[in-house]
């Protein structure tokens, strides 16, 4: 093998190194710019999500209030139905009692009429 000596001027070597550094710096800057753009988009998306989450929170509060109202109305309706069922259970005894009282009155009047001979 031959040992050849290649000589470059220091200025040429430094210029090439500087050019490579500048090129790498440009690539790094472009990548940082892209990362910065993506980060900005993420921050905007995060802000939008916070707003949507807050809006959903208000909707959930509204739904909770409506559900509570429905549950209260359901409780009132259940009590009313229960009261009506209890009243329905009383109707038959009242009717039977009324009929019995009427029959008793008719029998009493008939017996008095027959015993007294038609004179009150």
PDB file of N, CA and C in Angstrom:
ATOM      1  N   UNK A   1       0.809  -1.166   0.000  1.00  0.00           N
ATOM      2  CA  UNK A   1       0.000   0.000   0.000  1.00  0.00           C
ATOM      3  C   UNK A   1       0.855   1.233   0.000  1.00  0.00           C
ATOM      4  N   UNK A   2       0.312   2.146  -0.644  1.00  0.00           N
ATOM      5  CA  UNK A   2       1.100   3.368  -0.706  1.00  0.00           C
ATOM      6  C   UNK A   2       0.538   4.377   0.271  1.00  0.00           C
ATOM      7  N   UNK A   3       1.401   5.050   0.871  1.00  0.00           N
ATOM      8  CA  UNK A   3       0.994   6.106   1.784  1.00  0.00           C
ATOM      9  C   UNK A   3       1.021   7.406   1.027  1.00  0.00           C
ATOM     10  N   UNK A   4      -0.167   7.776   0.679  1.00  0.00           N
ATOM     11  CA  UNK A   4      -0.251   9.061  -0.004  1.00  0.00           C
ATOM     12  C   UNK A   4      -0.701  10.096   0.999  1.00  0.00           C
ATOM     13  N   UNK A   5      -0.161  11.182   0.909  1.00  0.00           N
ATOM     14  CA  UNK A   5      -0.532  12.265   1.794  1.00  0.00           C
ATOM     15  C   UNK A   5      -1.411  13.215   1.014  1.00  0.00           C
ATOM     16  N   UNK A   6      -2.572  13.429   1.623  1.00  0.00           N
ATOM     17  CA  UNK A   6      -3.499  14.371   1.000  1.00  0.00           C
ATOM     18  C   UNK A   6      -3.511  15.602   1.885  1.00  0.00           C
ATOM     19  N   UNK A   7      -3.374  16.691   1.281  1.00  0.00           N
ATOM     20  CA  UNK A   7      -3.357  17.925   2.059  1.00  0.00           C
ATOM     21  C   UNK A   7      -4.536  18.791   1.661  1.00  0.00           C
ATOM     22  N   UNK A   8      -5.187  19.263   2.688  1.00  0.00           N
ATOM     23  CA  UNK A   8      -6.285  20.213   2.493  1.00  0.00           C
ATOM     24  C   UNK A   8      -5.945  21.448   3.287  1.00  0.00           C
ATOM     25  N   UNK A   9      -6.438  22.500   2.817  1.00  0.00           N
ATOM     26  CA  UNK A   9      -6.212  23.714   3.590  1.00  0.00           C
ATOM     27  C   UNK A   9      -7.154  23.694   4.794  1.00  0.00           C
ATOM     28  N   UNK A  10      -6.708  24.259   5.853  1.00  0.00           N
ATOM     29  CA  UNK A  10      -7.517  24.317   7.075  1.00  0.00           C
ATOM     30  C   UNK A  10      -8.810  25.060   6.813  1.00  0.00           C
ATOM     31  N   UNK A  11      -8.747  26.049   6.012  1.00  0.00           N
ATOM     32  CA  UNK A  11      -9.937  26.838   5.684  1.00  0.00           C
ATOM     33  C   UNK A  11     -10.969  25.973   4.980  1.00  0.00           C
ATOM     34  N   UNK A  12     -10.539  25.121   4.048  1.00  0.00           N
ATOM     35  CA  UNK A  12     -11.468  24.262   3.312  1.00  0.00           C
ATOM     36  C   UNK A  12     -12.108  23.246   4.249  1.00  0.00           C
ATOM     37  N   UNK A  13     -11.304  22.662   5.146  1.00  0.00           N
ATOM     38  CA  UNK A  13     -11.839  21.670   6.098  1.00  0.00           C
ATOM     39  C   UNK A  13     -12.842  22.331   7.027  1.00  0.00           C
ATOM     40  N   UNK A  14     -12.493  23.466   7.560  1.00  0.00           N
ATOM     41  CA  UNK A  14     -13.400  24.170   8.469  1.00  0.00           C
ATOM     42  C   UNK A  14     -14.670  24.615   7.753  1.00  0.00           C
ATOM     43  N   UNK A  15     -14.542  25.007   6.496  1.00  0.00           N
ATOM     44  CA  UNK A  15     -15.714  25.414   5.723  1.00  0.00           C
ATOM     45  C   UNK A  15     -16.647  24.228   5.535  1.00  0.00           C
ATOM     46  N   UNK A  16     -16.087  23.050   5.233  1.00  0.00           N
ATOM     47  CA  UNK A  16     -16.921  21.847   5.071  1.00  0.00           C
ATOM     48  C   UNK A  16     -17.593  21.473   6.394  1.00  0.00           C
ATOM     49  N   UNK A  17     -16.823  21.543   7.473  1.00  0.00           N
ATOM     50  CA  UNK A  17     -17.395  21.217   8.791  1.00  0.00           C
ATOM     51  C   UNK A  17     -18.499  22.205   9.138  1.00  0.00           C
ATOM     52  N   UNK A  18     -18.242  23.458   8.892  1.00  0.00           N
ATOM     53  CA  UNK A  18     -19.235  24.490   9.174  1.00  0.00           C
ATOM     54  C   UNK A  18     -20.492  24.276   8.337  1.00  0.00           C
ATOM     55  N   UNK A  19     -20.321  23.887   7.085  1.00  0.00           N
ATOM     56  CA  UNK A  19     -21.464  23.615   6.203  1.00  0.00           C
ATOM     57  C   UNK A  19     -22.299  22.450   6.722  1.00  0.00           C
ATOM     58  N   UNK A  20     -21.606  21.379   7.186  1.00  0.00           N
ATOM     59  CA  UNK A  20     -22.328  20.231   7.727  1.00  0.00           C
ATOM     60  C   UNK A  20     -23.065  20.610   9.010  1.00  0.00           C
ATOM     61  N   UNK A  21     -22.398  21.401   9.849  1.00  0.00           N
ATOM     62  CA  UNK A  21     -23.046  21.848  11.089  1.00  0.00           C
ATOM     63  C   UNK A  21     -24.272  22.695  10.761  1.00  0.00           C
ATOM     64  N   UNK A  22     -24.137  23.607   9.792  1.00  0.00           N
ATOM     65  CA  UNK A  22     -25.272  24.437   9.387  1.00  0.00           C
ATOM     66  C   UNK A  22     -26.417  23.579   8.859  1.00  0.00           C
ATOM     67  N   UNK A  23     -26.075  22.565   8.063  1.00  0.00           N
ATOM     68  CA  UNK A  23     -27.093  21.667   7.511  1.00  0.00           C
ATOM     69  C   UNK A  23     -27.807  20.908   8.629  1.00  0.00           C
ATOM     70  N   UNK A  24     -27.016  20.392   9.570  1.00  0.00           N
ATOM     71  CA  UNK A  24     -27.609  19.679  10.708  1.00  0.00           C
ATOM     72  C   UNK A  24     -28.468  20.619  11.559  1.00  0.00           C
ATOM     73  N   UNK A  25     -27.978  21.840  11.754  1.00  0.00           N
ATOM     74  CA  UNK A  25     -28.736  22.820  12.538  1.00  0.00           C
ATOM     75  C   UNK A  25     -30.067  23.133  11.855  1.00  0.00           C
ATOM     76  N   UNK A  26     -30.037  23.223  10.527  1.00  0.00           N
ATOM     77  CA  UNK A  26     -31.256  23.495   9.764  1.00  0.00           C
ATOM     78  C   UNK A  26     -32.247  22.342   9.941  1.00  0.00           C
ATOM     79  N   UNK A  27     -31.751  21.100   9.855  1.00  0.00           N
ATOM     80  CA  UNK A  27     -32.611  19.925  10.048  1.00  0.00           C
ATOM     81  C   UNK A  27     -33.214  19.912  11.452  1.00  0.00           C
ATOM     82  N   UNK A  28     -32.363  20.200  12.444  1.00  0.00           N
ATOM     83  CA  UNK A  28     -32.838  20.221  13.834  1.00  0.00           C
ATOM     84  C   UNK A  28     -33.892  21.314  14.012  1.00  0.00           C
ATOM     85  N   UNK A  29     -33.638  22.487  13.439  1.00  0.00           N
ATOM     86  CA  UNK A  29     -34.604  23.586  13.544  1.00  0.00           C
ATOM     87  C   UNK A  29     -35.935  23.217  12.894  1.00  0.00           C
ATOM     88  N   UNK A  30     -35.888  22.568  11.726  1.00  0.00           N
ATOM     89  CA  UNK A  30     -37.117  22.148  11.050  1.00  0.00           C
ATOM     90  C   UNK A  30     -37.883  21.143  11.911  1.00  0.00           C
ATOM     91  N   UNK A  31     -37.145  20.205  12.500  1.00  0.00           N
ATOM     92  CA  UNK A  31     -37.798  19.208  13.351  1.00  0.00           C
ATOM     93  C   UNK A  31     -38.415  19.869  14.577  1.00  0.00           C
ATOM     94  N   UNK A  32     -37.698  20.823  15.176  1.00  0.00           N
ATOM     95  CA  UNK A  32     -38.255  21.535  16.318  1.00  0.00           C
ATOM     96  C   UNK A  32     -39.482  22.349  15.918  1.00  0.00           C
ATOM     97  N   UNK A  33     -39.445  22.954  14.724  1.00  0.00           N
ATOM     98  CA  UNK A  33     -40.614  23.697  14.243  1.00  0.00           C
ATOM     99  C   UNK A  33     -41.820  22.777  14.086  1.00  0.00           C
ATOM    100  N   UNK A  34     -41.593  21.579  13.522  1.00  0.00           N
ATOM    101  CA  UNK A  34     -42.685  20.612  13.369  1.00  0.00           C
ATOM    102  C   UNK A  34     -43.209  20.167  14.730  1.00  0.00           C
ATOM    103  N   UNK A  35     -42.280  19.915  15.652  1.00  0.00           N
ATOM    104  CA  UNK A  35     -42.689  19.514  17.000  1.00  0.00           C
ATOM    105  C   UNK A  35     -43.477  20.636  17.661  1.00  0.00           C
ATOM    106  N   UNK A  36     -43.025  21.868  17.463  1.00  0.00           N
ATOM    107  CA  UNK A  36     -43.722  23.020  18.037  1.00  0.00           C
ATOM    108  C   UNK A  36     -45.130  23.150  17.456  1.00  0.00           C
ATOM    109  N   UNK A  37     -45.269  22.949  16.140  1.00  0.00           N
ATOM    110  CA  UNK A  37     -46.590  22.997  15.502  1.00  0.00           C
ATOM    111  C   UNK A  37     -47.500  21.908  16.064  1.00  0.00           C
ATOM    112  N   UNK A  38     -46.953  20.710  16.192  1.00  0.00           N
ATOM    113  CA  UNK A  38     -47.744  19.594  16.720  1.00  0.00           C
ATOM    114  C   UNK A  38     -48.143  19.858  18.169  1.00  0.00           C
ATOM    115  N   UNK A  39     -47.222  20.413  18.947  1.00  0.00           N
ATOM    116  CA  UNK A  39     -47.518  20.733  20.336  1.00  0.00           C
ATOM    117  C   UNK A  39     -48.616  21.793  20.419  1.00  0.00           C
ATOM    118  N   UNK A  40     -48.551  22.778  19.534  1.00  0.00           N
ATOM    119  CA  UNK A  40     -49.591  23.804  19.499  1.00  0.00           C
ATOM    120  C   UNK A  40     -50.946  23.176  19.187  1.00  0.00           C
ATOM    121  N   UNK A  41     -50.977  22.254  18.221  1.00  0.00           N
ATOM    122  CA  UNK A  41     -52.228  21.570  17.885  1.00  0.00           C
ATOM    123  C   UNK A  41     -52.743  20.759  19.075  1.00  0.00           C
ATOM    124  N   UNK A  42     -51.828  20.101  19.775  1.00  0.00           N
ATOM    125  CA  UNK A  42     -52.220  19.317  20.955  1.00  0.00           C
ATOM    126  C   UNK A  42     -52.798  20.239  22.029  1.00  0.00           C
ATOM    127  N   UNK A  43     -52.153  21.383  22.235  1.00  0.00           N
ATOM    128  CA  UNK A  43     -52.643  22.330  23.238  1.00  0.00           C
ATOM    129  C   UNK A  43     -54.017  22.861  22.866  1.00  0.00           C
ATOM    130  N   UNK A  44     -54.223  23.158  21.577  1.00  0.00           N
ATOM    131  CA  UNK A  44     -55.535  23.623  21.114  1.00  0.00           C
ATOM    132  C   UNK A  44     -56.572  22.526  21.326  1.00  0.00           C
ATOM    133  N   UNK A  45     -56.212  21.299  20.959  1.00  0.00           N
ATOM    134  CA  UNK A  45     -57.129  20.168  21.158  1.00  0.00           C
ATOM    135  C   UNK A  45     -57.454  19.964  22.627  1.00  0.00           C
ATOM    136  N   UNK A  46     -56.453  20.109  23.465  1.00  0.00           N
ATOM    137  CA  UNK A  46     -56.662  19.952  24.902  1.00  0.00           C
ATOM    138  C   UNK A  46     -57.619  21.032  25.413  1.00  0.00           C
ATOM    139  N   UNK A  47     -57.443  22.248  24.949  1.00  0.00           N
ATOM    140  CA  UNK A  47     -58.322  23.343  25.351  1.00  0.00           C
ATOM    141  C   UNK A  47     -59.758  23.076  24.901  1.00  0.00           C
ATOM    142  N   UNK A  48     -59.910  22.586  23.665  1.00  0.00           N
ATOM    143  CA  UNK A  48     -61.245  22.261  23.162  1.00  0.00           C
ATOM    144  C   UNK A  48     -61.870  21.141  23.986  1.00  0.00           C
ATOM    145  N   UNK A  49     -61.063  20.141  24.338  1.00  0.00           N
ATOM    146  CA  UNK A  49     -61.571  19.034  25.151  1.00  0.00           C
ATOM    147  C   UNK A  49     -62.012  19.518  26.528  1.00  0.00           C
ATOM    148  N   UNK A  50     -61.248  20.441  27.101  1.00  0.00           N
ATOM    149  CA  UNK A  50     -61.640  20.980  28.405  1.00  0.00           C
ATOM    150  C   UNK A  50     -62.998  21.662  28.306  1.00  0.00           C
ATOM    151  N   UNK A  51     -63.198  22.429  27.233  1.00  0.00           N
ATOM    152  CA  UNK A  51     -64.490  23.089  27.037  1.00  0.00           C
ATOM    153  C   UNK A  51     -65.615  22.081  26.866  1.00  0.00           C
ATOM    154  N   UNK A  52     -65.349  21.035  26.082  1.00  0.00           N
ATOM    155  CA  UNK A  52     -66.374  20.012  25.864  1.00  0.00           C
ATOM    156  C   UNK A  52     -66.665  19.246  27.148  1.00  0.00           C
ATOM    157  N   UNK A  53     -65.630  18.973  27.932  1.00  0.00           N
ATOM    158  CA  UNK A  53     -65.828  18.274  29.203  1.00  0.00           C
ATOM    159  C   UNK A  53     -66.660  19.137  30.147  1.00  0.00           C
ATOM    160  N   UNK A  54     -66.382  20.426  30.158  1.00  0.00           N
ATOM    161  CA  UNK A  54     -67.150  21.333  31.010  1.00  0.00           C
ATOM    162  C   UNK A  54     -68.612  21.365  30.563  1.00  0.00           C
ATOM    163  N   UNK A  55     -68.840  21.419  29.256  1.00  0.00           N
ATOM    164  CA  UNK A  55     -70.210  21.413  28.736  1.00  0.00           C
ATOM    165  C   UNK A  55     -70.909  20.108  29.095  1.00  0.00           C
ATOM    166  N   UNK A  56     -70.191  18.994  28.988  1.00  0.00           N
ATOM    167  CA  UNK A  56     -70.777  17.703  29.371  1.00  0.00           C
ATOM    168  C   UNK A  56     -71.097  17.674  30.861  1.00  0.00           C
ATOM    169  N   UNK A  57     -70.251  18.306  31.659  1.00  0.00           N
ATOM    170  CA  UNK A  57     -70.516  18.390  33.100  1.00  0.00           C
ATOM    171  C   UNK A  57     -71.824  19.108  33.372  1.00  0.00           C
ATOM    172  N   UNK A  58     -72.066  20.223  32.656  1.00  0.00           N
ATOM    173  CA  UNK A  58     -73.326  20.952  32.822  1.00  0.00           C
ATOM    174  C   UNK A  58     -74.502  20.100  32.372  1.00  0.00           C
ATOM    175  N   UNK A  59     -74.330  19.369  31.270  1.00  0.00           N
ATOM    176  CA  UNK A  59     -75.406  18.499  30.793  1.00  0.00           C
ATOM    177  C   UNK A  59     -75.708  17.408  31.817  1.00  0.00           C
ATOM    178  N   UNK A  60     -74.664  16.845  32.402  1.00  0.00           N
ATOM    179  CA  UNK A  60     -74.859  15.792  33.405  1.00  0.00           C
ATOM    180  C   UNK A  60     -75.588  16.353  34.618  1.00  0.00           C
ATOM    181  N   UNK A  61     -75.232  17.569  35.033  1.00  0.00           N
ATOM    182  CA  UNK A  61     -75.931  18.191  36.158  1.00  0.00           C
ATOM    183  C   UNK A  61     -77.405  18.362  35.832  1.00  0.00           C
ATOM    184  N   UNK A  62     -77.698  18.792  34.600  1.00  0.00           N
ATOM    185  CA  UNK A  62     -79.093  18.946  34.179  1.00  0.00           C
ATOM    186  C   UNK A  62     -79.824  17.616  34.170  1.00  0.00           C
ATOM    187  N   UNK A  63     -79.143  16.582  33.685  1.00  0.00           N
ATOM    188  CA  UNK A  63     -79.756  15.250  33.652  1.00  0.00           C
ATOM    189  C   UNK A  63     -79.994  14.757  35.079  1.00  0.00           C
ATOM    190  N   UNK A  64     -79.041  15.018  35.983  1.00  0.00           N
ATOM    191  CA  UNK A  64     -79.219  14.620  37.381  1.00  0.00           C
ATOM    192  C   UNK A  64     -80.448  15.290  37.986  1.00  0.00           C
ATOM    193  N   UNK A  65     -80.615  16.579  37.717  1.00  0.00           N
ATOM    194  CA  UNK A  65     -81.776  17.299  38.252  1.00  0.00           C
ATOM    195  C   UNK A  65     -83.066  16.736  37.681  1.00  0.00           C
ATOM    196  N   UNK A  66     -83.070  16.460  36.377  1.00  0.00           N
ATOM    197  CA  UNK A  66     -84.277  15.892  35.762  1.00  0.00           C
ATOM    198  C   UNK A  66     -84.565  14.506  36.313  1.00  0.00           C
ATOM    199  N   UNK A  67     -83.524  13.711  36.507  1.00  0.00           N
ATOM    200  CA  UNK A  67     -83.703  12.368  37.062  1.00  0.00           C
ATOM    201  C   UNK A  67     -84.255  12.447  38.481  1.00  0.00           C
ATOM    202  N   UNK A  68     -83.735  13.375  39.258  1.00  0.00           N
ATOM    203  CA  UNK A  68     -84.239  13.551  40.622  1.00  0.00           C
ATOM    204  C   UNK A  68     -85.717  13.937  40.597  1.00  0.00           C
ATOM    205  N   UNK A  69     -86.086  14.822  39.677  1.00  0.00           N
ATOM    206  CA  UNK A  69     -87.484  15.232  39.550  1.00  0.00           C
ATOM    207  C   UNK A  69     -88.352  14.036  39.163  1.00  0.00           C
ATOM    208  N   UNK A  70     -87.882  13.233  38.212  1.00  0.00           N
ATOM    209  CA  UNK A  70     -88.635  12.047  37.784  1.00  0.00           C
ATOM    210  C   UNK A  70     -88.777  11.068  38.943  1.00  0.00           C
ATOM    211  N   UNK A  71     -87.705  10.881  39.701  1.00  0.00           N
ATOM    212  CA  UNK A  71     -87.773   9.968  40.845  1.00  0.00           C
ATOM    213  C   UNK A  71     -88.772  10.466  41.879  1.00  0.00           C
ATOM    214  N   UNK A  72     -88.797  11.782  42.122  1.00  0.00           N
ATOM    215  CA  UNK A  72     -89.770  12.343  43.063  1.00  0.00           C
ATOM    216  C   UNK A  72     -91.190  12.139  42.553  1.00  0.00           C
ATOM    217  N   UNK A  73     -91.402  12.397  41.262  1.00  0.00           N
ATOM    218  CA  UNK A  73     -92.731  12.202  40.680  1.00  0.00           C
ATOM    219  C   UNK A  73     -93.127  10.732  40.732  1.00  0.00           C
ATOM    220  N   UNK A  74     -92.173   9.850  40.498  1.00  0.00           N
ATOM    221  CA  UNK A  74     -92.455   8.416  40.569  1.00  0.00           C
ATOM    222  C   UNK A  74     -92.876   8.042  41.987  1.00  0.00           C
ATOM    223  N   UNK A  75     -92.189   8.587  42.965  1.00  0.00           N
ATOM    224  CA  UNK A  75     -92.527   8.303  44.359  1.00  0.00           C
ATOM    225  C   UNK A  75     -93.945   8.769  44.672  1.00  0.00           C
ATOM    226  N   UNK A  76     -94.302   9.965  44.202  1.00  0.00           N
ATOM    227  CA  UNK A  76     -95.655  10.489  44.413  1.00  0.00           C
ATOM    228  C   UNK A  76     -96.677   9.601  43.719  1.00  0.00           C
ATOM    229  N   UNK A  77     -96.373   9.182  42.488  1.00  0.00           N
ATOM    230  CA  UNK A  77     -97.305   8.320  41.751  1.00  0.00           C
ATOM    231  C   UNK A  77     -97.477   6.969  42.440  1.00  0.00           C
ATOM    232  N   UNK A  78     -96.389   6.402  42.923  1.00  0.00           N
ATOM    233  CA  UNK A  78     -96.478   5.116  43.624  1.00  0.00           C
ATOM    234  C   UNK A  78     -97.342   5.265  44.869  1.00  0.00           C
ATOM    235  N   UNK A  79     -97.168   6.358  45.604  1.00  0.00           N
ATOM    236  CA  UNK A  79     -97.979   6.602  46.800  1.00  0.00           C
ATOM    237  C   UNK A  79     -99.436   6.792  46.414  1.00  0.00           C
ATOM    238  N   UNK A  80     -99.693   7.532  45.343  1.00  0.00           N
ATOM    239  CA  UNK A  80    -101.074   7.755  44.897  1.00  0.00           C
ATOM    240  C   UNK A  80    -101.727   6.442  44.486  1.00  0.00           C
ATOM    241  N   UNK A  81    -101.006   5.621  43.735  1.00  0.00           N
ATOM    242  CA  UNK A  81    -101.552   4.320  43.316  1.00  0.00           C
ATOM    243  C   UNK A  81    -101.824   3.456  44.542  1.00  0.00           C
ATOM    244  N   UNK A  82    -100.912   3.489  45.490  1.00  0.00           N
ATOM    245  CA  UNK A  82    -101.103   2.715  46.721  1.00  0.00           C
ATOM    246  C   UNK A  82    -102.341   3.200  47.464  1.00  0.00           C
ATOM    247  N   UNK A  83    -102.514   4.525  47.548  1.00  0.00           N
ATOM    248  CA  UNK A  83    -103.701   5.086  48.202  1.00  0.00           C
ATOM    249  C   UNK A  83    -104.967   4.679  47.469  1.00  0.00           C
ATOM    250  N   UNK A  84    -104.919   4.713  46.127  1.00  0.00           N
ATOM    251  CA  UNK A  84    -106.097   4.316  45.341  1.00  0.00           C
ATOM    252  C   UNK A  84    -106.414   2.840  45.540  1.00  0.00           C
ATOM    253  N   UNK A  85    -105.393   2.016  45.618  1.00  0.00           N
ATOM    254  CA  UNK A  85    -105.632   0.589  45.847  1.00  0.00           C
ATOM    255  C   UNK A  85    -106.246   0.377  47.226  1.00  0.00           C
ATOM    256  N   UNK A  86    -105.804   1.134  48.204  1.00  0.00           N
ATOM    257  CA  UNK A  86    -106.392   1.046  49.543  1.00  0.00           C
ATOM    258  C   UNK A  86    -107.839   1.497  49.528  1.00  0.00           C
ATOM    259  N   UNK A  87    -108.124   2.574  48.796  1.00  0.00           N
ATOM    260  CA  UNK A  87    -109.497   3.074  48.694  1.00  0.00           C
ATOM    261  C   UNK A  87    -110.372   2.065  47.969  1.00  0.00           C
ATOM    262  N   UNK A  88    -109.822   1.433  46.930  1.00  0.00           N
ATOM    263  CA  UNK A  88    -110.570   0.424  46.189  1.00  0.00           C
ATOM    264  C   UNK A  88    -110.935  -0.734  47.110  1.00  0.00           C
ATOM    265  N   UNK A  89    -110.056  -1.050  48.016  1.00  0.00           N
ATOM    266  CA  UNK A  89    -110.335  -2.104  48.988  1.00  0.00           C
ATOM    267  C   UNK A  89    -111.449  -1.718  49.942  1.00  0.00           C
ATOM    268  N   UNK A  90    -111.674  -0.416  50.128  1.00  0.00           N
ATOM    269  CA  UNK A  90    -112.748   0.043  51.018  1.00  0.00           C
ATOM    270  C   UNK A  90    -114.088   0.170  50.309  1.00  0.00           C
ATOM    271  N   UNK A  91    -114.082   0.284  49.002  1.00  0.00           N
ATOM    272  CA  UNK A  91    -115.328   0.497  48.262  1.00  0.00           C
ATOM    273  C   UNK A  91    -116.287  -0.669  48.465  1.00  0.00           C
ATOM    274  N   UNK A  92    -115.836  -1.887  48.292  1.00  0.00           N
ATOM    275  CA  UNK A  92    -116.702  -3.066  48.415  1.00  0.00           C
ATOM    276  C   UNK A  92    -117.327  -3.166  49.805  1.00  0.00           C
ATOM    277  N   UNK A  93    -116.565  -3.011  50.888  1.00  0.00           N
ATOM    278  CA  UNK A  93    -117.216  -3.050  52.207  1.00  0.00           C
ATOM    279  C   UNK A  93    -118.237  -1.929  52.393  1.00  0.00           C
ATOM    280  N   UNK A  94    -117.956  -0.735  51.836  1.00  0.00           N
ATOM    281  CA  UNK A  94    -118.930   0.358  51.947  1.00  0.00           C
ATOM    282  C   UNK A  94    -120.216   0.029  51.203  1.00  0.00           C
ATOM    283  N   UNK A  95    -120.088  -0.549  50.016  1.00  0.00           N
ATOM    284  CA  UNK A  95    -121.277  -0.920  49.234  1.00  0.00           C
ATOM    285  C   UNK A  95    -122.067  -1.998  49.969  1.00  0.00           C
ATOM    286  N   UNK A  96    -121.378  -3.019  50.448  1.00  0.00           N
ATOM    287  CA  UNK A  96    -122.052  -4.102  51.184  1.00  0.00           C
ATOM    288  C   UNK A  96    -122.730  -3.542  52.431  1.00  0.00           C
ATOM    289  N   UNK A  97    -122.037  -2.656  53.129  1.00  0.00           N
ATOM    290  CA  UNK A  97    -122.629  -2.037  54.325  1.00  0.00           C
ATOM    291  C   UNK A  97    -123.857  -1.220  53.982  1.00  0.00           C
ATOM    292  N   UNK A  98    -123.779  -0.472  52.887  1.00  0.00           N
ATOM    293  CA  UNK A  98    -124.936   0.333  52.459  1.00  0.00           C
ATOM    294  C   UNK A  98    -126.116  -0.533  52.079  1.00  0.00           C
ATOM    295  N   UNK A  99    -125.852  -1.594  51.332  1.00  0.00           N
ATOM    296  CA  UNK A  99    -126.931  -2.514  50.930  1.00  0.00           C
ATOM    297  C   UNK A  99    -127.535  -3.187  52.173  1.00  0.00           C
ATOM    298  N   UNK A 100    -126.668  -3.611  53.089  1.00  0.00           N
ATOM    299  CA  UNK A 100    -127.152  -4.248  54.327  1.00  0.00           C
ATOM    300  C   UNK A 100    -128.009  -3.281  55.126  1.00  0.00           C
ATOM    301  N   UNK A 101    -127.582  -2.040  55.215  1.00  0.00           N
ATOM    302  CA  UNK A 101    -128.365  -1.042  55.950  1.00  0.00           C
ATOM    303  C   UNK A 101    -129.706  -0.821  55.270  1.00  0.00           C
ATOM    304  N   UNK A 102    -129.703  -0.771  53.940  1.00  0.00           N
ATOM    305  CA  UNK A 102    -130.965  -0.594  53.197  1.00  0.00           C
ATOM    306  C   UNK A 102    -131.903  -1.768  53.408  1.00  0.00           C
ATOM    307  N   UNK A 103    -131.377  -2.984  53.313  1.00  0.00           N
ATOM    308  CA  UNK A 103    -132.192  -4.191  53.516  1.00  0.00           C
ATOM    309  C   UNK A 103    -132.711  -4.224  54.953  1.00  0.00           C
ATOM    310  N   UNK A 104    -131.837  -3.869  55.881  1.00  0.00           N
ATOM    311  CA  UNK A 104    -132.258  -3.829  57.293  1.00  0.00           C
ATOM    312  C   UNK A 104    -133.377  -2.833  57.504  1.00  0.00           C
ATOM    313  N   UNK A 105    -133.288  -1.683  56.864  1.00  0.00           N
ATOM    314  CA  UNK A 105    -134.335  -0.666  56.997  1.00  0.00           C
ATOM    315  C   UNK A 105    -135.639  -1.161  56.397  1.00  0.00           C
ATOM    316  N   UNK A 106    -135.559  -1.811  55.230  1.00  0.00           N
ATOM    317  CA  UNK A 106    -136.769  -2.343  54.584  1.00  0.00           C
ATOM    318  C   UNK A 106    -137.412  -3.412  55.469  1.00  0.00           C
ATOM    319  N   UNK A 107    -136.612  -4.286  56.028  1.00  0.00           N
ATOM    320  CA  UNK A 107    -137.135  -5.349  56.901  1.00  0.00           C
ATOM    321  C   UNK A 107    -137.767  -4.735  58.145  1.00  0.00           C
ATOM    322  N   UNK A 108    -137.092  -3.744  58.718  1.00  0.00           N
ATOM    323  CA  UNK A 108    -137.625  -3.087  59.913  1.00  0.00           C
ATOM    324  C   UNK A 108    -138.958  -2.424  59.615  1.00  0.00           C
ATOM    325  N   UNK A 109    -139.032  -1.722  58.512  1.00  0.00           N
ATOM    326  CA  UNK A 109    -140.289  -1.051  58.133  1.00  0.00           C
ATOM    327  C   UNK A 109    -141.368  -2.096  57.869  1.00  0.00           C
ATOM    328  N   UNK A 110    -141.008  -3.177  57.215  1.00  0.00           N
ATOM    329  CA  UNK A 110    -141.989  -4.233  56.906  1.00  0.00           C
ATOM    330  C   UNK A 110    -142.518  -4.872  58.180  1.00  0.00           C
ATOM    331  N   UNK A 111    -141.641  -5.163  59.115  1.00  0.00           N
ATOM    332  CA  UNK A 111    -142.063  -5.791  60.369  1.00  0.00           C
ATOM    333  C   UNK A 111    -142.941  -4.841  61.160  1.00  0.00           C
ATOM    334  N   UNK A 112    -142.577  -3.591  61.242  1.00  0.00           N
ATOM    335  CA  UNK A 112    -143.384  -2.615  61.973  1.00  0.00           C
ATOM    336  C   UNK A 112    -144.753  -2.467  61.318  1.00  0.00           C
ATOM    337  N   UNK A 113    -144.722  -2.457  60.006  1.00  0.00           N
ATOM    338  CA  UNK A 113    -145.976  -2.285  59.280  1.00  0.00           C
ATOM    339  C   UNK A 113    -146.895  -3.490  59.523  1.00  0.00           C
ATOM    340  N   UNK A 114    -146.295  -4.683  59.507  1.00  0.00           N
ATOM    341  CA  UNK A 114    -147.122  -5.876  59.694  1.00  0.00           C
ATOM    342  C   UNK A 114    -147.556  -6.039  61.147  1.00  0.00           C
ATOM    343  N   UNK A 115    -146.723  -5.655  62.106  1.00  0.00           N
ATOM    344  CA  UNK A 115    -147.082  -5.779  63.512  1.00  0.00           C
ATOM    345  C   UNK A 115    -148.072  -4.710  63.944  1.00  0.00           C
ATOM    346  N   UNK A 116    -147.943  -3.570  63.407  1.00  0.00           N
ATOM    347  CA  UNK A 116    -148.819  -2.471  63.801  1.00  0.00           C
ATOM    348  C   UNK A 116    -150.069  -2.427  62.938  1.00  0.00           C
ATOM    349  N   UNK A 117    -150.095  -3.254  61.965  1.00  0.00           N
ATOM    350  CA  UNK A 117    -151.275  -3.344  61.122  1.00  0.00           C
ATOM    351  C   UNK A 117    -151.470  -2.162  60.217  1.00  0.00           C
ATOM    352  N   UNK A 118    -150.453  -1.611  59.796  1.00  0.00           N
ATOM    353  CA  UNK A 118    -150.527  -0.515  58.844  1.00  0.00           C
ATOM    354  C   UNK A 118    -150.631   0.832  59.504  1.00  0.00           C
ATOM    355  N   UNK A 119    -150.703   0.900  60.832  1.00  0.00           N
ATOM    356  CA  UNK A 119    -150.741   2.185  61.545  1.00  0.00           C
ATOM    357  C   UNK A 119    -149.364   2.462  62.133  1.00  0.00           C
ATOM    358  N   UNK A 120    -148.820   3.541  61.793  1.00  0.00           N
ATOM    359  CA  UNK A 120    -147.493   3.823  62.321  1.00  0.00           C
ATOM    360  C   UNK A 120    -147.471   4.176  63.761  1.00  0.00           C
TER     361      UNK A 120
END
